[in-house]
PDB file of N, CA and C in Angstrom:
ATOM      1  N   MET A   1      29.584  -4.257 -88.911  1.00  0.00           N
ATOM      2  CA  MET A   1      30.421  -3.778 -87.831  1.00  0.00           C
ATOM      3  C   MET A   1      30.663  -4.933 -86.862  1.00  0.00           C
ATOM      4  N   ASP A   2      31.873  -4.977 -86.310  1.00  0.00           N
ATOM      5  CA  ASP A   2      32.194  -5.986 -85.297  1.00  0.00           C
ATOM      6  C   ASP A   2      31.354  -5.741 -84.049  1.00  0.00           C
ATOM      7  N   PRO A   3      31.050  -6.809 -83.310  1.00  0.00           N
ATOM      8  CA  PRO A   3      30.325  -6.612 -82.051  1.00  0.00           C
ATOM      9  C   PRO A   3      31.159  -5.806 -81.064  1.00  0.00           C
ATOM     10  N   THR A   4      30.482  -5.103 -80.177  1.00  0.00           N
ATOM     11  CA  THR A   4      31.143  -4.225 -79.210  1.00  0.00           C
ATOM     12  C   THR A   4      30.770  -4.627 -77.791  1.00  0.00           C
ATOM     13  N   ALA A   5      31.772  -4.713 -76.933  1.00  0.00           N
ATOM     14  CA  ALA A   5      31.554  -4.927 -75.502  1.00  0.00           C
ATOM     15  C   ALA A   5      31.960  -3.650 -74.783  1.00  0.00           C
ATOM     16  N   ILE A   6      31.091  -3.158 -73.943  1.00  0.00           N
ATOM     17  CA  ILE A   6      31.364  -1.951 -73.167  1.00  0.00           C
ATOM     18  C   ILE A   6      31.524  -2.364 -71.712  1.00  0.00           C
ATOM     19  N   LEU A   7      32.705  -2.097 -71.152  1.00  0.00           N
ATOM     20  CA  LEU A   7      32.982  -2.400 -69.749  1.00  0.00           C
ATOM     21  C   LEU A   7      32.858  -1.121 -68.941  1.00  0.00           C
ATOM     22  N   VAL A   8      31.996  -1.145 -67.941  1.00  0.00           N
ATOM     23  CA  VAL A   8      31.856  -0.008 -67.034  1.00  0.00           C
ATOM     24  C   VAL A   8      32.683  -0.328 -65.799  1.00  0.00           C
ATOM     25  N   LEU A   9      33.789   0.384 -65.649  1.00  0.00           N
ATOM     26  CA  LEU A   9      34.709   0.187 -64.527  1.00  0.00           C
ATOM     27  C   LEU A   9      34.640   1.341 -63.531  1.00  0.00           C
ATOM     28  N   ALA A  10      34.032   2.448 -63.951  1.00  0.00           N
ATOM     29  CA  ALA A  10      33.973   3.648 -63.113  1.00  0.00           C
ATOM     30  C   ALA A  10      33.095   3.422 -61.896  1.00  0.00           C
ATOM     31  N   GLY A  11      33.545   3.911 -60.772  1.00  0.00           N
ATOM     32  CA  GLY A  11      32.771   3.827 -59.536  1.00  0.00           C
ATOM     33  C   GLY A  11      31.687   4.886 -59.487  1.00  0.00           C
ATOM     34  N   ILE A  12      31.190   5.135 -58.302  1.00  0.00           N
ATOM     35  CA  ILE A  12      30.057   6.062 -58.136  1.00  0.00           C
ATOM     36  C   ILE A  12      30.433   7.328 -57.361  1.00  0.00           C
ATOM     37  N   GLU A  13      31.725   7.571 -57.168  1.00  0.00           N
ATOM     38  CA  GLU A  13      32.163   8.638 -56.270  1.00  0.00           C
ATOM     39  C   GLU A  13      32.149  10.045 -56.855  1.00  0.00           C
ATOM     40  N   THR A  14      32.390  10.195 -58.153  1.00  0.00           N
ATOM     41  CA  THR A  14      32.594  11.546 -58.691  1.00  0.00           C
ATOM     42  C   THR A  14      31.656  11.849 -59.853  1.00  0.00           C
ATOM     43  N   LYS A  15      31.594  13.127 -60.212  1.00  0.00           N
ATOM     44  CA  LYS A  15      30.843  13.532 -61.399  1.00  0.00           C
ATOM     45  C   LYS A  15      31.431  12.900 -62.650  1.00  0.00           C
ATOM     46  N   ALA A  16      32.750  12.752 -62.668  1.00  0.00           N
ATOM     47  CA  ALA A  16      33.409  12.114 -63.822  1.00  0.00           C
ATOM     48  C   ALA A  16      32.951  10.663 -63.960  1.00  0.00           C
ATOM     49  N   ASP A  17      32.833   9.965 -62.828  1.00  0.00           N
ATOM     50  CA  ASP A  17      32.340   8.585 -62.853  1.00  0.00           C
ATOM     51  C   ASP A  17      30.906   8.549 -63.392  1.00  0.00           C
ATOM     52  N   PHE A  18      30.096   9.472 -62.925  1.00  0.00           N
ATOM     53  CA  PHE A  18      28.707   9.587 -63.371  1.00  0.00           C
ATOM     54  C   PHE A  18      28.666   9.780 -64.890  1.00  0.00           C
ATOM     55  N   GLY A  19      29.519  10.672 -65.379  1.00  0.00           N
ATOM     56  CA  GLY A  19      29.592  10.918 -66.816  1.00  0.00           C
ATOM     57  C   GLY A  19      30.004   9.683 -67.594  1.00  0.00           C
ATOM     58  N   ARG A  20      30.913   8.913 -67.039  1.00  0.00           N
ATOM     59  CA  ARG A  20      31.374   7.702 -67.724  1.00  0.00           C
ATOM     60  C   ARG A  20      30.254   6.685 -67.884  1.00  0.00           C
ATOM     61  N   VAL A  21      29.501   6.430 -66.817  1.00  0.00           N
ATOM     62  CA  VAL A  21      28.437   5.430 -66.927  1.00  0.00           C
ATOM     63  C   VAL A  21      27.334   5.909 -67.870  1.00  0.00           C
ATOM     64  N   VAL A  22      27.007   7.180 -67.845  1.00  0.00           N
ATOM     65  CA  VAL A  22      25.984   7.702 -68.754  1.00  0.00           C
ATOM     66  C   VAL A  22      26.464   7.585 -70.197  1.00  0.00           C
ATOM     67  N   ASN A  23      27.718   7.941 -70.459  1.00  0.00           N
ATOM     68  CA  ASN A  23      28.251   7.807 -71.820  1.00  0.00           C
ATOM     69  C   ASN A  23      28.270   6.354 -72.268  1.00  0.00           C
ATOM     70  N   ALA A  24      28.647   5.456 -71.374  1.00  0.00           N
ATOM     71  CA  ALA A  24      28.668   4.024 -71.711  1.00  0.00           C
ATOM     72  C   ALA A  24      27.277   3.553 -72.120  1.00  0.00           C
ATOM     73  N   LEU A  25      26.273   3.927 -71.346  1.00  0.00           N
ATOM     74  CA  LEU A  25      24.909   3.491 -71.645  1.00  0.00           C
ATOM     75  C   LEU A  25      24.355   4.172 -72.892  1.00  0.00           C
ATOM     76  N   GLN A  26      24.714   5.422 -73.110  1.00  0.00           N
ATOM     77  CA  GLN A  26      24.260   6.117 -74.324  1.00  0.00           C
ATOM     78  C   GLN A  26      24.841   5.458 -75.574  1.00  0.00           C
ATOM     79  N   ILE A  27      26.111   5.101 -75.514  1.00  0.00           N
ATOM     80  CA  ILE A  27      26.740   4.434 -76.658  1.00  0.00           C
ATOM     81  C   ILE A  27      26.094   3.065 -76.874  1.00  0.00           C
ATOM     82  N   ALA A  28      25.855   2.331 -75.789  1.00  0.00           N
ATOM     83  CA  ALA A  28      25.194   1.032 -75.904  1.00  0.00           C
ATOM     84  C   ALA A  28      23.810   1.189 -76.531  1.00  0.00           C
ATOM     85  N   ARG A  29      23.087   2.203 -76.102  1.00  0.00           N
ATOM     86  CA  ARG A  29      21.753   2.464 -76.650  1.00  0.00           C
ATOM     87  C   ARG A  29      21.822   2.779 -78.143  1.00  0.00           C
ATOM     88  N   GLU A  30      22.764   3.648 -78.517  1.00  0.00           N
ATOM     89  CA  GLU A  30      22.893   4.016 -79.931  1.00  0.00           C
ATOM     90  C   GLU A  30      23.218   2.796 -80.794  1.00  0.00           C
ATOM     91  N   LEU A  31      24.187   2.005 -80.346  1.00  0.00           N
ATOM     92  CA  LEU A  31      24.562   0.813 -81.105  1.00  0.00           C
ATOM     93  C   LEU A  31      23.389  -0.162 -81.205  1.00  0.00           C
ATOM     94  N   ASN A  32      22.722  -0.402 -80.095  1.00  0.00           N
ATOM     95  CA  ASN A  32      21.601  -1.332 -80.066  1.00  0.00           C
ATOM     96  C   ASN A  32      20.470  -0.863 -80.975  1.00  0.00           C
ATOM     97  N   GLU A  33      20.110   0.414 -80.868  1.00  0.00           N
ATOM     98  CA  GLU A  33      19.026   0.943 -81.693  1.00  0.00           C
ATOM     99  C   GLU A  33      19.373   0.969 -83.175  1.00  0.00           C
ATOM    100  N   SER A  34      20.673   0.930 -83.488  1.00  0.00           N
ATOM    101  CA  SER A  34      21.108   0.888 -84.887  1.00  0.00           C
ATOM    102  C   SER A  34      21.203  -0.541 -85.410  1.00  0.00           C
ATOM    103  N   GLY A  35      20.909  -1.495 -84.537  1.00  0.00           N
ATOM    104  CA  GLY A  35      20.949  -2.893 -84.953  1.00  0.00           C
ATOM    105  C   GLY A  35      22.305  -3.557 -84.816  1.00  0.00           C
ATOM    106  N   ASP A  36      23.245  -2.875 -84.178  1.00  0.00           N
ATOM    107  CA  ASP A  36      24.579  -3.433 -83.979  1.00  0.00           C
ATOM    108  C   ASP A  36      24.577  -4.331 -82.745  1.00  0.00           C
ATOM    109  N   GLN A  37      25.461  -5.303 -82.748  1.00  0.00           N
ATOM    110  CA  GLN A  37      25.581  -6.199 -81.599  1.00  0.00           C
ATOM    111  C   GLN A  37      26.430  -5.514 -80.531  1.00  0.00           C
ATOM    112  N   VAL A  38      25.863  -5.382 -79.331  1.00  0.00           N
ATOM    113  CA  VAL A  38      26.552  -4.707 -78.229  1.00  0.00           C
ATOM    114  C   VAL A  38      26.199  -5.394 -76.926  1.00  0.00           C
ATOM    115  N   THR A  39      27.132  -5.396 -76.011  1.00  0.00           N
ATOM    116  CA  THR A  39      26.895  -5.932 -74.680  1.00  0.00           C
ATOM    117  C   THR A  39      27.580  -5.022 -73.668  1.00  0.00           C
ATOM    118  N   VAL A  40      26.980  -4.906 -72.498  1.00  0.00           N
ATOM    119  CA  VAL A  40      27.521  -4.074 -71.417  1.00  0.00           C
ATOM    120  C   VAL A  40      27.814  -4.970 -70.225  1.00  0.00           C
ATOM    121  N   ILE A  41      28.996  -4.770 -69.637  1.00  0.00           N
ATOM    122  CA  ILE A  41      29.387  -5.503 -68.434  1.00  0.00           C
ATOM    123  C   ILE A  41      29.828  -4.495 -67.386  1.00  0.00           C
ATOM    124  N   PHE A  42      29.256  -4.610 -66.193  1.00  0.00           N
ATOM    125  CA  PHE A  42      29.672  -3.792 -65.063  1.00  0.00           C
ATOM    126  C   PHE A  42      30.748  -4.575 -64.315  1.00  0.00           C
ATOM    127  N   ASP A  43      31.935  -4.001 -64.211  1.00  0.00           N
ATOM    128  CA  ASP A  43      33.081  -4.693 -63.632  1.00  0.00           C
ATOM    129  C   ASP A  43      33.783  -3.764 -62.647  1.00  0.00           C
ATOM    130  N   GLY A  44      34.568  -4.332 -61.756  1.00  0.00           N
ATOM    131  CA  GLY A  44      35.290  -3.523 -60.778  1.00  0.00           C
ATOM    132  C   GLY A  44      34.330  -2.649 -59.994  1.00  0.00           C
ATOM    133  N   ALA A  45      34.738  -1.407 -59.767  1.00  0.00           N
ATOM    134  CA  ALA A  45      33.891  -0.453 -59.041  1.00  0.00           C
ATOM    135  C   ALA A  45      32.585  -0.174 -59.780  1.00  0.00           C
ATOM    136  N   GLY A  46      32.566  -0.453 -61.066  1.00  0.00           N
ATOM    137  CA  GLY A  46      31.362  -0.253 -61.872  1.00  0.00           C
ATOM    138  C   GLY A  46      30.183  -1.092 -61.433  1.00  0.00           C
ATOM    139  N   THR A  47      30.437  -2.173 -60.680  1.00  0.00           N
ATOM    140  CA  THR A  47      29.332  -3.007 -60.188  1.00  0.00           C
ATOM    141  C   THR A  47      28.397  -2.215 -59.277  1.00  0.00           C
ATOM    142  N   GLN A  48      28.909  -1.154 -58.682  1.00  0.00           N
ATOM    143  CA  GLN A  48      28.092  -0.318 -57.793  1.00  0.00           C
ATOM    144  C   GLN A  48      26.958   0.383 -58.532  1.00  0.00           C
ATOM    145  N   TRP A  49      27.100   0.522 -59.857  1.00  0.00           N
ATOM    146  CA  TRP A  49      26.078   1.205 -60.635  1.00  0.00           C
ATOM    147  C   TRP A  49      24.803   0.387 -60.774  1.00  0.00           C
ATOM    148  N   VAL A  50      24.886  -0.925 -60.695  1.00  0.00           N
ATOM    149  CA  VAL A  50      23.684  -1.743 -60.896  1.00  0.00           C
ATOM    150  C   VAL A  50      22.593  -1.384 -59.883  1.00  0.00           C
ATOM    151  N   PRO A  51      22.878  -1.416 -58.568  1.00  0.00           N
ATOM    152  CA  PRO A  51      21.825  -1.005 -57.633  1.00  0.00           C
ATOM    153  C   PRO A  51      21.456   0.474 -57.763  1.00  0.00           C
ATOM    154  N   ALA A  52      22.443   1.311 -58.033  1.00  0.00           N
ATOM    155  CA  ALA A  52      22.163   2.750 -58.147  1.00  0.00           C
ATOM    156  C   ALA A  52      21.198   3.029 -59.297  1.00  0.00           C
ATOM    157  N   LEU A  53      21.474   2.471 -60.473  1.00  0.00           N
ATOM    158  CA  LEU A  53      20.643   2.729 -61.648  1.00  0.00           C
ATOM    159  C   LEU A  53      19.317   1.965 -61.609  1.00  0.00           C
ATOM    160  N   SER A  54      19.244   0.934 -60.796  1.00  0.00           N
ATOM    161  CA  SER A  54      18.000   0.172 -60.650  1.00  0.00           C
ATOM    162  C   SER A  54      16.966   0.926 -59.826  1.00  0.00           C
ATOM    163  N   ASN A  55      17.418   1.923 -59.091  1.00  0.00           N
ATOM    164  CA  ASN A  55      16.526   2.740 -58.273  1.00  0.00           C
ATOM    165  C   ASN A  55      15.671   3.622 -59.191  1.00  0.00           C
ATOM    166  N   GLU A  56      14.361   3.481 -59.097  1.00  0.00           N
ATOM    167  CA  GLU A  56      13.449   4.227 -59.965  1.00  0.00           C
ATOM    168  C   GLU A  56      13.599   5.741 -59.812  1.00  0.00           C
ATOM    169  N   GLU A  57      14.152   6.196 -58.713  1.00  0.00           N
ATOM    170  CA  GLU A  57      14.334   7.624 -58.472  1.00  0.00           C
ATOM    171  C   GLU A  57      15.615   8.168 -59.104  1.00  0.00           C
ATOM    172  N   HIS A  58      16.483   7.288 -59.572  1.00  0.00           N
ATOM    173  CA  HIS A  58      17.752   7.739 -60.152  1.00  0.00           C
ATOM    174  C   HIS A  58      17.494   8.490 -61.457  1.00  0.00           C
ATOM    175  N   LYS A  59      18.208   9.563 -61.650  1.00  0.00           N
ATOM    176  CA  LYS A  59      18.051  10.411 -62.832  1.00  0.00           C
ATOM    177  C   LYS A  59      18.157   9.621 -64.136  1.00  0.00           C
ATOM    178  N   TYR A  60      18.997   8.585 -64.175  1.00  0.00           N
ATOM    179  CA  TYR A  60      19.219   7.819 -65.403  1.00  0.00           C
ATOM    180  C   TYR A  60      18.662   6.397 -65.323  1.00  0.00           C
ATOM    181  N   HIS A  61      17.673   6.197 -64.467  1.00  0.00           N
ATOM    182  CA  HIS A  61      17.020   4.888 -64.383  1.00  0.00           C
ATOM    183  C   HIS A  61      16.394   4.508 -65.729  1.00  0.00           C
ATOM    184  N   LYS A  62      15.737   5.464 -66.392  1.00  0.00           N
ATOM    185  CA  LYS A  62      15.092   5.175 -67.686  1.00  0.00           C
ATOM    186  C   LYS A  62      16.122   4.780 -68.738  1.00  0.00           C
ATOM    187  N   LEU A  63      17.284   5.416 -68.738  1.00  0.00           N
ATOM    188  CA  LEU A  63      18.345   5.032 -69.675  1.00  0.00           C
ATOM    189  C   LEU A  63      18.818   3.611 -69.376  1.00  0.00           C
ATOM    190  N   PHE A  64      18.932   3.282 -68.108  1.00  0.00           N
ATOM    191  CA  PHE A  64      19.306   1.922 -67.710  1.00  0.00           C
ATOM    192  C   PHE A  64      18.275   0.932 -68.234  1.00  0.00           C
ATOM    193  N   LEU A  65      17.000   1.253 -68.101  1.00  0.00           N
ATOM    194  CA  LEU A  65      15.948   0.372 -68.607  1.00  0.00           C
ATOM    195  C   LEU A  65      16.023   0.218 -70.123  1.00  0.00           C
ATOM    196  N   LEU A  66      16.340   1.307 -70.820  1.00  0.00           N
ATOM    197  CA  LEU A  66      16.448   1.250 -72.284  1.00  0.00           C
ATOM    198  C   LEU A  66      17.609   0.376 -72.757  1.00  0.00           C
ATOM    199  N   THR A  67      18.616   0.216 -71.912  1.00  0.00           N
ATOM    200  CA  THR A  67      19.791  -0.577 -72.299  1.00  0.00           C
ATOM    201  C   THR A  67      19.831  -1.925 -71.596  1.00  0.00           C
ATOM    202  N   ARG A  68      18.895  -2.182 -70.716  1.00  0.00           N
ATOM    203  CA  ARG A  68      18.893  -3.407 -69.912  1.00  0.00           C
ATOM    204  C   ARG A  68      19.000  -4.666 -70.761  1.00  0.00           C
ATOM    205  N   SER A  69      18.406  -4.676 -71.933  1.00  0.00           N
ATOM    206  CA  SER A  69      18.416  -5.872 -72.784  1.00  0.00           C
ATOM    207  C   SER A  69      19.811  -6.223 -73.291  1.00  0.00           C
ATOM    208  N   VAL A  70      20.741  -5.280 -73.267  1.00  0.00           N
ATOM    209  CA  VAL A  70      22.100  -5.566 -73.742  1.00  0.00           C
ATOM    210  C   VAL A  70      23.112  -5.678 -72.604  1.00  0.00           C
ATOM    211  N   VAL A  71      22.630  -5.597 -71.365  1.00  0.00           N
ATOM    212  CA  VAL A  71      23.528  -5.768 -70.219  1.00  0.00           C
ATOM    213  C   VAL A  71      23.750  -7.262 -69.999  1.00  0.00           C
ATOM    214  N   ALA A  72      24.995  -7.698 -70.199  1.00  0.00           N
ATOM    215  CA  ALA A  72      25.319  -9.118 -70.006  1.00  0.00           C
ATOM    216  C   ALA A  72      25.362  -9.469 -68.533  1.00  0.00           C
ATOM    217  N   GLY A  73      25.845  -8.533 -67.710  1.00  0.00           N
ATOM    218  CA  GLY A  73      25.905  -8.806 -66.285  1.00  0.00           C
ATOM    219  C   GLY A  73      26.916  -7.949 -65.566  1.00  0.00           C
ATOM    220  N   ALA A  74      27.193  -8.379 -64.327  1.00  0.00           N
ATOM    221  CA  ALA A  74      28.154  -7.698 -63.459  1.00  0.00           C
ATOM    222  C   ALA A  74      29.106  -8.738 -62.899  1.00  0.00           C
ATOM    223  N   CYS A  75      30.333  -8.333 -62.684  1.00  0.00           N
ATOM    224  CA  CYS A  75      31.357  -9.231 -62.150  1.00  0.00           C
ATOM    225  C   CYS A  75      30.967  -9.699 -60.743  1.00  0.00           C
ATOM    226  N   ALA A  76      30.879 -11.012 -60.571  1.00  0.00           N
ATOM    227  CA  ALA A  76      30.492 -11.582 -59.280  1.00  0.00           C
ATOM    228  C   ALA A  76      31.519 -11.258 -58.202  1.00  0.00           C
ATOM    229  N   TYR A  77      32.785 -11.430 -58.516  1.00  0.00           N
ATOM    230  CA  TYR A  77      33.836 -11.176 -57.528  1.00  0.00           C
ATOM    231  C   TYR A  77      33.840  -9.708 -57.109  1.00  0.00           C
ATOM    232  N   CYS A  78      33.817  -8.828 -58.084  1.00  0.00           N
ATOM    233  CA  CYS A  78      33.892  -7.392 -57.787  1.00  0.00           C
ATOM    234  C   CYS A  78      32.644  -6.900 -57.062  1.00  0.00           C
ATOM    235  N   ALA A  79      31.480  -7.451 -57.415  1.00  0.00           N
ATOM    236  CA  ALA A  79      30.254  -7.078 -56.702  1.00  0.00           C
ATOM    237  C   ALA A  79      30.399  -7.401 -55.217  1.00  0.00           C
ATOM    238  N   GLY A  80      31.032  -8.539 -54.916  1.00  0.00           N
ATOM    239  CA  GLY A  80      31.296  -8.889 -53.526  1.00  0.00           C
ATOM    240  C   GLY A  80      32.303  -7.955 -52.892  1.00  0.00           C
ATOM    241  N   ALA A  81      33.362  -7.656 -53.615  1.00  0.00           N
ATOM    242  CA  ALA A  81      34.416  -6.781 -53.101  1.00  0.00           C
ATOM    243  C   ALA A  81      33.901  -5.365 -52.827  1.00  0.00           C
ATOM    244  N   TYR A  82      32.934  -4.904 -53.620  1.00  0.00           N
ATOM    245  CA  TYR A  82      32.393  -3.559 -53.446  1.00  0.00           C
ATOM    246  C   TYR A  82      31.094  -3.547 -52.636  1.00  0.00           C
ATOM    247  N   GLY A  83      30.736  -4.699 -52.072  1.00  0.00           N
ATOM    248  CA  GLY A  83      29.606  -4.766 -51.152  1.00  0.00           C
ATOM    249  C   GLY A  83      28.231  -4.654 -51.770  1.00  0.00           C
ATOM    250  N   VAL A  84      28.097  -4.981 -53.060  1.00  0.00           N
ATOM    251  CA  VAL A  84      26.779  -4.864 -53.706  1.00  0.00           C
ATOM    252  C   VAL A  84      26.258  -6.200 -54.236  1.00  0.00           C
ATOM    253  N   LYS A  85      26.953  -7.276 -53.973  1.00  0.00           N
ATOM    254  CA  LYS A  85      26.564  -8.582 -54.523  1.00  0.00           C
ATOM    255  C   LYS A  85      25.161  -8.996 -54.075  1.00  0.00           C
ATOM    256  N   GLU A  86      24.890  -8.926 -52.785  1.00  0.00           N
ATOM    257  CA  GLU A  86      23.564  -9.323 -52.282  1.00  0.00           C
ATOM    258  C   GLU A  86      22.464  -8.433 -52.841  1.00  0.00           C
ATOM    259  N   GLU A  87      22.754  -7.164 -52.958  1.00  0.00           N
ATOM    260  CA  GLU A  87      21.763  -6.228 -53.500  1.00  0.00           C
ATOM    261  C   GLU A  87      21.460  -6.550 -54.967  1.00  0.00           C
ATOM    262  N   ILE A  88      22.503  -6.861 -55.748  1.00  0.00           N
ATOM    263  CA  ILE A  88      22.306  -7.231 -57.157  1.00  0.00           C
ATOM    264  C   ILE A  88      21.494  -8.523 -57.246  1.00  0.00           C
ATOM    265  N   GLU A  89      21.807  -9.486 -56.388  1.00  0.00           N
ATOM    266  CA  GLU A  89      21.062 -10.748 -56.388  1.00  0.00           C
ATOM    267  C   GLU A  89      19.589 -10.517 -56.055  1.00  0.00           C
ATOM    268  N   LYS A  90      19.314  -9.648 -55.098  1.00  0.00           N
ATOM    269  CA  LYS A  90      17.929  -9.363 -54.696  1.00  0.00           C
ATOM    270  C   LYS A  90      17.159  -8.659 -55.815  1.00  0.00           C
ATOM    271  N   LEU A  91      17.851  -7.793 -56.559  1.00  0.00           N
ATOM    272  CA  LEU A  91      17.196  -7.073 -57.654  1.00  0.00           C
ATOM    273  C   LEU A  91      16.766  -8.035 -58.757  1.00  0.00           C
ATOM    274  N   ASP A  92      17.558  -9.087 -58.967  1.00  0.00           N
ATOM    275  CA  ASP A  92      17.266 -10.109 -59.965  1.00  0.00           C
ATOM    276  C   ASP A  92      17.029  -9.523 -61.353  1.00  0.00           C
ATOM    277  N   GLN A  93      17.828  -8.504 -61.706  1.00  0.00           N
ATOM    278  CA  GLN A  93      17.720  -7.876 -63.024  1.00  0.00           C
ATOM    279  C   GLN A  93      18.982  -8.075 -63.844  1.00  0.00           C
ATOM    280  N   VAL A  94      20.109  -8.191 -63.171  1.00  0.00           N
ATOM    281  CA  VAL A  94      21.410  -8.299 -63.831  1.00  0.00           C
ATOM    282  C   VAL A  94      22.106  -9.545 -63.302  1.00  0.00           C
ATOM    283  N   SER A  95      22.568 -10.372 -64.207  1.00  0.00           N
ATOM    284  CA  SER A  95      23.262 -11.604 -63.829  1.00  0.00           C
ATOM    285  C   SER A  95      24.646 -11.304 -63.274  1.00  0.00           C
ATOM    286  N   LEU A  96      25.073 -12.129 -62.339  1.00  0.00           N
ATOM    287  CA  LEU A  96      26.450 -12.056 -61.850  1.00  0.00           C
ATOM    288  C   LEU A  96      27.290 -12.998 -62.703  1.00  0.00           C
ATOM    289  N   MET A  97      28.391 -12.484 -63.208  1.00  0.00           N
ATOM    290  CA  MET A  97      29.244 -13.246 -64.129  1.00  0.00           C
ATOM    291  C   MET A  97      30.488 -13.742 -63.396  1.00  0.00           C
ATOM    292  N   ASP A  98      30.786 -15.027 -63.559  1.00  0.00           N
ATOM    293  CA  ASP A  98      31.949 -15.604 -62.878  1.00  0.00           C
ATOM    294  C   ASP A  98      32.653 -16.633 -63.764  1.00  0.00           C
ATOM    295  N   GLU A  99      32.865 -16.274 -65.009  1.00  0.00           N
ATOM    296  CA  GLU A  99      33.418 -17.196 -65.998  1.00  0.00           C
ATOM    297  C   GLU A  99      34.893 -17.523 -65.792  1.00  0.00           C
ATOM    298  N   PHE A 100      35.648 -16.619 -65.188  1.00  0.00           N
ATOM    299  CA  PHE A 100      37.082 -16.841 -65.000  1.00  0.00           C
ATOM    300  C   PHE A 100      37.493 -16.361 -63.614  1.00  0.00           C
ATOM    301  N   ASP A 101      37.684 -17.292 -62.706  1.00  0.00           N
ATOM    302  CA  ASP A 101      38.070 -16.963 -61.324  1.00  0.00           C
ATOM    303  C   ASP A 101      37.153 -15.927 -60.683  1.00  0.00           C
ATOM    304  N   GLY A 102      35.866 -16.051 -60.931  1.00  0.00           N
ATOM    305  CA  GLY A 102      34.893 -15.140 -60.335  1.00  0.00           C
ATOM    306  C   GLY A 102      34.634 -13.883 -61.135  1.00  0.00           C
ATOM    307  N   HIS A 103      35.310 -13.729 -62.259  1.00  0.00           N
ATOM    308  CA  HIS A 103      35.199 -12.531 -63.089  1.00  0.00           C
ATOM    309  C   HIS A 103      34.601 -12.876 -64.461  1.00  0.00           C
ATOM    310  N   PRO A 104      34.092 -11.877 -65.189  1.00  0.00           N
ATOM    311  CA  PRO A 104      33.681 -12.125 -66.573  1.00  0.00           C
ATOM    312  C   PRO A 104      34.911 -12.466 -67.413  1.00  0.00           C
ATOM    313  N   SER A 105      34.736 -13.260 -68.436  1.00  0.00           N
ATOM    314  CA  SER A 105      35.859 -13.613 -69.309  1.00  0.00           C
ATOM    315  C   SER A 105      35.991 -12.596 -70.439  1.00  0.00           C
ATOM    316  N   ILE A 106      36.998 -11.764 -70.339  1.00  0.00           N
ATOM    317  CA  ILE A 106      37.271 -10.797 -71.412  1.00  0.00           C
ATOM    318  C   ILE A 106      37.877 -11.523 -72.613  1.00  0.00           C
ATOM    319  N   ARG A 107      38.638 -12.573 -72.335  1.00  0.00           N
ATOM    320  CA  ARG A 107      39.216 -13.375 -73.412  1.00  0.00           C
ATOM    321  C   ARG A 107      38.116 -13.939 -74.312  1.00  0.00           C
ATOM    322  N   LYS A 108      37.032 -14.405 -73.698  1.00  0.00           N
ATOM    323  CA  LYS A 108      35.907 -14.954 -74.466  1.00  0.00           C
ATOM    324  C   LYS A 108      35.349 -13.895 -75.418  1.00  0.00           C
ATOM    325  N   LEU A 109      35.208 -12.681 -74.926  1.00  0.00           N
ATOM    326  CA  LEU A 109      34.724 -11.599 -75.786  1.00  0.00           C
ATOM    327  C   LEU A 109      35.677 -11.361 -76.951  1.00  0.00           C
ATOM    328  N   LEU A 110      36.960 -11.256 -76.637  1.00  0.00           N
ATOM    329  CA  LEU A 110      37.956 -11.004 -77.676  1.00  0.00           C
ATOM    330  C   LEU A 110      37.988 -12.132 -78.696  1.00  0.00           C
ATOM    331  N   SER A 111      37.908 -13.388 -78.211  1.00  0.00           N
ATOM    332  CA  SER A 111      37.949 -14.499 -79.163  1.00  0.00           C
ATOM    333  C   SER A 111      36.697 -14.588 -80.016  1.00  0.00           C
ATOM    334  N   ASN A 112      35.622 -13.959 -79.573  1.00  0.00           N
ATOM    335  CA  ASN A 112      34.404 -13.920 -80.370  1.00  0.00           C
ATOM    336  C   ASN A 112      34.309 -12.661 -81.231  1.00  0.00           C
ATOM    337  N   GLY A 113      35.433 -11.953 -81.354  1.00  0.00           N
ATOM    338  CA  GLY A 113      35.502 -10.818 -82.264  1.00  0.00           C
ATOM    339  C   GLY A 113      34.997  -9.495 -81.724  1.00  0.00           C
ATOM    340  N   TYR A 114      34.737  -9.426 -80.419  1.00  0.00           N
ATOM    341  CA  TYR A 114      34.272  -8.171 -79.841  1.00  0.00           C
ATOM    342  C   TYR A 114      35.404  -7.171 -79.738  1.00  0.00           C
ATOM    343  N   ARG A 115      35.118  -5.936 -80.038  1.00  0.00           N
ATOM    344  CA  ARG A 115      36.022  -4.858 -79.671  1.00  0.00           C
ATOM    345  C   ARG A 115      35.554  -4.406 -78.304  1.00  0.00           C
ATOM    346  N   VAL A 116      36.490  -4.018 -77.463  1.00  0.00           N
ATOM    347  CA  VAL A 116      36.166  -3.689 -76.069  1.00  0.00           C
ATOM    348  C   VAL A 116      36.417  -2.202 -75.826  1.00  0.00           C
ATOM    349  N   ILE A 117      35.393  -1.539 -75.303  1.00  0.00           N
ATOM    350  CA  ILE A 117      35.497  -0.135 -74.919  1.00  0.00           C
ATOM    351  C   ILE A 117      35.351  -0.086 -73.401  1.00  0.00           C
ATOM    352  N   THR A 118      36.218   0.651 -72.736  1.00  0.00           N
ATOM    353  CA  THR A 118      36.133   0.756 -71.285  1.00  0.00           C
ATOM    354  C   THR A 118      35.780   2.174 -70.854  1.00  0.00           C
ATOM    355  N   PHE A 119      34.992   2.247 -69.819  1.00  0.00           N
ATOM    356  CA  PHE A 119      34.622   3.528 -69.204  1.00  0.00           C
ATOM    357  C   PHE A 119      34.888   3.427 -67.714  1.00  0.00           C
TER     358      PHE A 119
END
């Protein structure tokens, strides 16, 4: 199977957003546990999930921990735009990605044969 990149773009405002991030992490977990190559990137409003899911009290903190090994990082620019950059840096669990003008390089993923799924 081709490698898969999962982009979490959903914010933290609605139940639908909550469902998107949980589905993204569940799919990442399934692919990873099956031995498939998968990576997760928190981008746009999705960067807000890094501090939220890092909280041990969060309902899906354990799922975040189970998928942490396949999380490539969070968009540096967007983390700043959504006010969570310093918090992500302090957590020191997820790298900030700034490969292309402060953002992760989606082109790099595509050129390396990744299929991209967005949530």
